[in-house]
C-alpha atoms as a PDB file:
ATOM      1  CA  UNK A   1       0.000   0.000   0.000  1.00  0.00           C
ATOM      2  CA  UNK A   2       1.392   3.405  -0.995  1.00  0.00           C
ATOM      3  CA  UNK A   3       0.519   6.411   1.138  1.00  0.00           C
ATOM      4  CA  UNK A   4       0.823   9.788  -0.504  1.00  0.00           C
ATOM      5  CA  UNK A   5       2.638  12.340   1.661  1.00  0.00           C
ATOM      6  CA  UNK A   6       1.765  15.975   1.135  1.00  0.00           C
ATOM      7  CA  UNK A   7       3.748  18.964   2.255  1.00  0.00           C
ATOM      8  CA  UNK A   8       1.872  21.350   4.526  1.00  0.00           C
ATOM      9  CA  UNK A   9       1.951  24.073   1.845  1.00  0.00           C
ATOM     10  CA  UNK A  10       0.349  21.703  -0.700  1.00  0.00           C
ATOM     11  CA  UNK A  11      -2.610  20.819   1.555  1.00  0.00           C
ATOM     12  CA  UNK A  12      -5.984  22.492   1.266  1.00  0.00           C
ATOM     13  CA  UNK A  13      -7.077  24.810   4.072  1.00  0.00           C
ATOM     14  CA  UNK A  14      -9.311  22.095   5.541  1.00  0.00           C
ATOM     15  CA  UNK A  15      -6.487  19.514   5.465  1.00  0.00           C
ATOM     16  CA  UNK A  16      -4.102  21.989   7.138  1.00  0.00           C
ATOM     17  CA  UNK A  17      -6.647  22.684   9.871  1.00  0.00           C
ATOM     18  CA  UNK A  18      -7.202  18.962  10.508  1.00  0.00           C
ATOM     19  CA  UNK A  19      -3.460  18.282  10.544  1.00  0.00           C
ATOM     20  CA  UNK A  20      -2.791  21.026  13.101  1.00  0.00           C
ATOM     21  CA  UNK A  21      -5.686  19.936  15.277  1.00  0.00           C
ATOM     22  CA  UNK A  22      -4.378  16.344  15.219  1.00  0.00           C
ATOM     23  CA  UNK A  23      -0.981  17.561  16.417  1.00  0.00           C
ATOM     24  CA  UNK A  24      -2.374  19.773  19.191  1.00  0.00           C
ATOM     25  CA  UNK A  25      -5.178  17.508  20.400  1.00  0.00           C
ATOM     26  CA  UNK A  26      -3.141  14.280  20.703  1.00  0.00           C
ATOM     27  CA  UNK A  27      -1.151  15.279  23.773  1.00  0.00           C
ATOM     28  CA  UNK A  28      -3.858  17.384  25.394  1.00  0.00           C
ATOM     29  CA  UNK A  29      -6.785  14.967  26.033  1.00  0.00           C
ATOM     30  CA  UNK A  30      -8.899  16.434  23.246  1.00  0.00           C
ATOM     31  CA  UNK A  31      -8.429  20.100  24.202  1.00  0.00           C
ATOM     32  CA  UNK A  32      -6.799  22.656  21.923  1.00  0.00           C
ATOM     33  CA  UNK A  33      -4.483  25.129  23.630  1.00  0.00           C
ATOM     34  CA  UNK A  34      -5.037  28.390  21.728  1.00  0.00           C
ATOM     35  CA  UNK A  35      -1.698  29.853  22.842  1.00  0.00           C
ATOM     36  CA  UNK A  36       0.116  26.822  21.440  1.00  0.00           C
ATOM     37  CA  UNK A  37      -1.894  27.070  18.218  1.00  0.00           C
ATOM     38  CA  UNK A  38      -0.927  30.756  17.881  1.00  0.00           C
ATOM     39  CA  UNK A  39       2.747  29.883  18.361  1.00  0.00           C
ATOM     40  CA  UNK A  40       2.544  27.230  15.624  1.00  0.00           C
ATOM     41  CA  UNK A  41       1.110  29.742  13.149  1.00  0.00           C
ATOM     42  CA  UNK A  42       3.384  32.676  14.022  1.00  0.00           C
ATOM     43  CA  UNK A  43       6.603  30.724  14.488  1.00  0.00           C
ATOM     44  CA  UNK A  44       7.282  30.590  10.767  1.00  0.00           C
ATOM     45  CA  UNK A  45       7.030  34.376  10.396  1.00  0.00           C
ATOM     46  CA  UNK A  46       9.168  35.345  13.364  1.00  0.00           C
ATOM     47  CA  UNK A  47      12.335  33.447  12.467  1.00  0.00           C
ATOM     48  CA  UNK A  48      13.227  35.424   9.353  1.00  0.00           C
ATOM     49  CA  UNK A  49      16.243  37.685   9.831  1.00  0.00           C
ATOM     50  CA  UNK A  50      17.297  40.449   7.502  1.00  0.00           C
ATOM     51  CA  UNK A  51      20.268  42.779   7.507  1.00  0.00           C
ATOM     52  CA  UNK A  52      18.353  45.943   6.687  1.00  0.00           C
ATOM     53  CA  UNK A  53      17.632  48.998   8.809  1.00  0.00           C
ATOM     54  CA  UNK A  54      14.189  49.893   7.383  1.00  0.00           C
ATOM     55  CA  UNK A  55      11.172  47.762   6.463  1.00  0.00           C
ATOM     56  CA  UNK A  56       8.048  48.406   4.439  1.00  0.00           C
ATOM     57  CA  UNK A  57       4.692  48.000   6.156  1.00  0.00           C
ATOM     58  CA  UNK A  58       3.988  44.860   4.138  1.00  0.00           C
ATOM     59  CA  UNK A  59       7.297  43.216   5.109  1.00  0.00           C
ATOM     60  CA  UNK A  60       6.814  43.988   8.782  1.00  0.00           C
ATOM     61  CA  UNK A  61       3.213  42.770   8.625  1.00  0.00           C
ATOM     62  CA  UNK A  62       4.378  39.412   7.234  1.00  0.00           C
ATOM     63  CA  UNK A  63       6.993  39.103   9.982  1.00  0.00           C
ATOM     64  CA  UNK A  64       4.500  39.689  12.809  1.00  0.00           C
ATOM     65  CA  UNK A  65       1.481  38.003  11.206  1.00  0.00           C
ATOM     66  CA  UNK A  66      -0.743  41.080  10.931  1.00  0.00           C
ATOM     67  CA  UNK A  67      -2.357  43.060   8.155  1.00  0.00           C
ATOM     68  CA  UNK A  68      -0.314  45.789   6.457  1.00  0.00           C
ATOM     69  CA  UNK A  69      -3.112  48.283   7.184  1.00  0.00           C
ATOM     70  CA  UNK A  70      -2.931  47.468  10.894  1.00  0.00           C
ATOM     71  CA  UNK A  71       0.833  48.028  10.883  1.00  0.00           C
ATOM     72  CA  UNK A  72       0.384  51.388   9.108  1.00  0.00           C
ATOM     73  CA  UNK A  73      -2.111  52.488  11.763  1.00  0.00           C
ATOM     74  CA  UNK A  74       0.189  51.376  14.590  1.00  0.00           C
ATOM     75  CA  UNK A  75       3.175  53.343  13.272  1.00  0.00           C
ATOM     76  CA  UNK A  76       1.330  56.397  11.919  1.00  0.00           C
ATOM     77  CA  UNK A  77       2.536  58.809  14.642  1.00  0.00           C
ATOM     78  CA  UNK A  78       5.714  57.027  15.790  1.00  0.00           C
ATOM     79  CA  UNK A  79       9.263  58.340  15.606  1.00  0.00           C
ATOM     80  CA  UNK A  80      11.837  56.614  13.432  1.00  0.00           C
ATOM     81  CA  UNK A  81       9.568  56.359  10.392  1.00  0.00           C
ATOM     82  CA  UNK A  82      10.605  57.533   6.926  1.00  0.00           C
ATOM     83  CA  UNK A  83       7.631  58.950   5.058  1.00  0.00           C
ATOM     84  CA  UNK A  84       7.835  59.799   1.378  1.00  0.00           C
ATOM     85  CA  UNK A  85       4.878  61.488  -0.299  1.00  0.00           C
ATOM     86  CA  UNK A  86       4.590  61.371  -4.067  1.00  0.00           C
ATOM     87  CA  UNK A  87       1.997  62.915  -6.324  1.00  0.00           C
ATOM     88  CA  UNK A  88       1.629  63.955  -9.911  1.00  0.00           C
ATOM     89  CA  UNK A  89      -0.126  67.043 -11.147  1.00  0.00           C
ATOM     90  CA  UNK A  90      -3.863  66.690 -10.495  1.00  0.00           C
ATOM     91  CA  UNK A  91      -3.567  63.133  -9.166  1.00  0.00           C
ATOM     92  CA  UNK A  92      -3.946  61.427  -5.837  1.00  0.00           C
ATOM     93  CA  UNK A  93      -0.930  61.650  -3.530  1.00  0.00           C
ATOM     94  CA  UNK A  94       0.578  58.531  -1.966  1.00  0.00           C
ATOM     95  CA  UNK A  95       2.662  58.217   1.175  1.00  0.00           C
ATOM     96  CA  UNK A  96       5.190  55.414   1.482  1.00  0.00           C
ATOM     97  CA  UNK A  97       6.310  54.460   4.990  1.00  0.00           C
ATOM     98  CA  UNK A  98       9.589  52.803   5.934  1.00  0.00           C
ATOM     99  CA  UNK A  99       9.754  51.584   9.527  1.00  0.00           C
ATOM    100  CA  UNK A 100      13.124  51.551  11.272  1.00  0.00           C
ATOM    101  CA  UNK A 101      14.407  48.464  13.034  1.00  0.00           C
ATOM    102  CA  UNK A 102      14.480  50.362  16.334  1.00  0.00           C
ATOM    103  CA  UNK A 103      10.816  51.413  16.063  1.00  0.00           C
ATOM    104  CA  UNK A 104       9.773  47.876  15.126  1.00  0.00           C
ATOM    105  CA  UNK A 105      11.616  46.447  18.149  1.00  0.00           C
ATOM    106  CA  UNK A 106       9.920  49.016  20.393  1.00  0.00           C
ATOM    107  CA  UNK A 107       6.440  47.847  19.307  1.00  0.00           C
ATOM    108  CA  UNK A 108       7.314  44.137  18.943  1.00  0.00           C
ATOM    109  CA  UNK A 109      10.096  43.335  21.464  1.00  0.00           C
ATOM    110  CA  UNK A 110      10.037  39.583  20.787  1.00  0.00           C
ATOM    111  CA  UNK A 111      10.451  40.030  17.026  1.00  0.00           C
ATOM    112  CA  UNK A 112      13.752  38.671  15.685  1.00  0.00           C
ATOM    113  CA  UNK A 113      14.937  41.025  12.953  1.00  0.00           C
END
């Protein structure tokens, strides 16, 4: 009998959910520890290290497991943020934010960057 082995990334969302629940429920008498489940999901994002001093909102959001919009709101009035506003004649203006490593560590002290 041949059993097909799938990587976690190749599983459907339902298969991933069942796989994680099997792992967490086995040693816990049928109860799911939500803190342990959160650590399983966020562990992958928090181990990435980069050698840069500034991050975009999207990059930082991926590292901490949040939405980019949430990160923008969190750092809107913080110090250590590079803001660049661009606009063309008669068009909407856009502001690009770059978040310094120091500011990111202040908000997320356990983040490894």
